[in-house]
Amino acid sequence: MAGTSARQRSPTVGVVVITYRARAMLERCLAPVLASPLRPEVLVVNSSSTDGTVELARELGARTWVVPRRSFNHGLTREAARRKLATDIVVMLTPDCFARSPAFLELLVEPIATGHAEVAYARQVAADDADLLARFGRAFCYPERSELRSKEDAARLGSAVHFCSNACAAWSNHALDRIGGFKPTLVSEETIAVCELLEAGGRIAYVAEAVVEHSHPTRLLDSFRRQFDVGWTRETWRHLLLTHGPDEARGLAYARGLVRTVLAEAPHLLPLALLDTAVRLAGYRAGRLAAHLPAHLARHLSGQDFFWVGPAPGIVRAAAGV
């Protein structure tokens, strides 16, 4: 009977919120998490900002962990945080994700708690005042219909089979343990982990019913830098991230859909839409070539200048086997 009771117990849930200068948005992010009937253990990780983020997190009832800015790494910091919590399920959040429903946490972790998937990610919608390009991007990546994906879906979806988001995703800690956890990386630690899980026979759930508001205004420099980092990561981890086909096919579908949407809803934005698409492509291509660029130049092109100071690029390449 004791064994049966242990098997039937509800899994423990932890939430990691990665922050830097996040005081202004933290309470709105944490409120539905802390109010969840799942009673998650919440750990706010802060990379040494001095705006009061840590103090507010403690006031709200969360645990805190401060890491030096220069030692922050998207993969290794999340890996250390999940091990600190040591819960059955860990949810990774960014502080600019705001749940649209108090039940979002229960909905998000359900596919993992029921054994249907090893990772689940939420639907992201744009803020009410978001620009058209931001709204299209969220609608393109996060449709209204949930789905469960496995490696077998790669023939149908190509590189989209391993799409996920580190802004709001839940993970089986046991499954992460089996693949050695999150790897050191510049960005896309969640995509690397999903690829490894799929290769190991795991499944990823997209939970459209778990809705969070998360979007960024369209800024050309931000678009370039974000895609530069993605391109560098794709090239460094190409044996995983490009196995199911090139990113360009999905990028082309995005561009075509964006042009159609802009022409139908706001034709005057077409020059901006085309320019933003070109800037994204240029950033991605530059990132793919970044291994041949001097570190000081890559530092200026990247969205994370601190990453390029010190041994981090070499550590990531060694982990990727390149």
Foldseek 3Di string as FASTA:
>chain_A
DVVVVVVPDFFAEAEEEEDELQQVQQCQACVLVCVAPSNHAYEYEYQDHDNCNQVVCVVVPHHYHYHHNLPDFPFPVVQVVCVVRVTQKYKFAYSQWGWPDSCLVVLQCVCVRVVNFFKEFEQEAADPPADPLFRLVSCLLGPQDKDKAAPVCLVVVFLNRLDHDSNTMMGGVVLCVVQVGFAGARDDSSSQSSLSQRVVVGMYIYRHVGYIYDTDHDDLLVLLQVLLRVLLRCLLQVVRNCPSHDPVVVLVVSLVVSQVVCVVPPVVCVVVSVSSSVSNVVSNVCSNVCVVPDLVVNLVRHPRNSCSPPCRVVRSSVVSVD
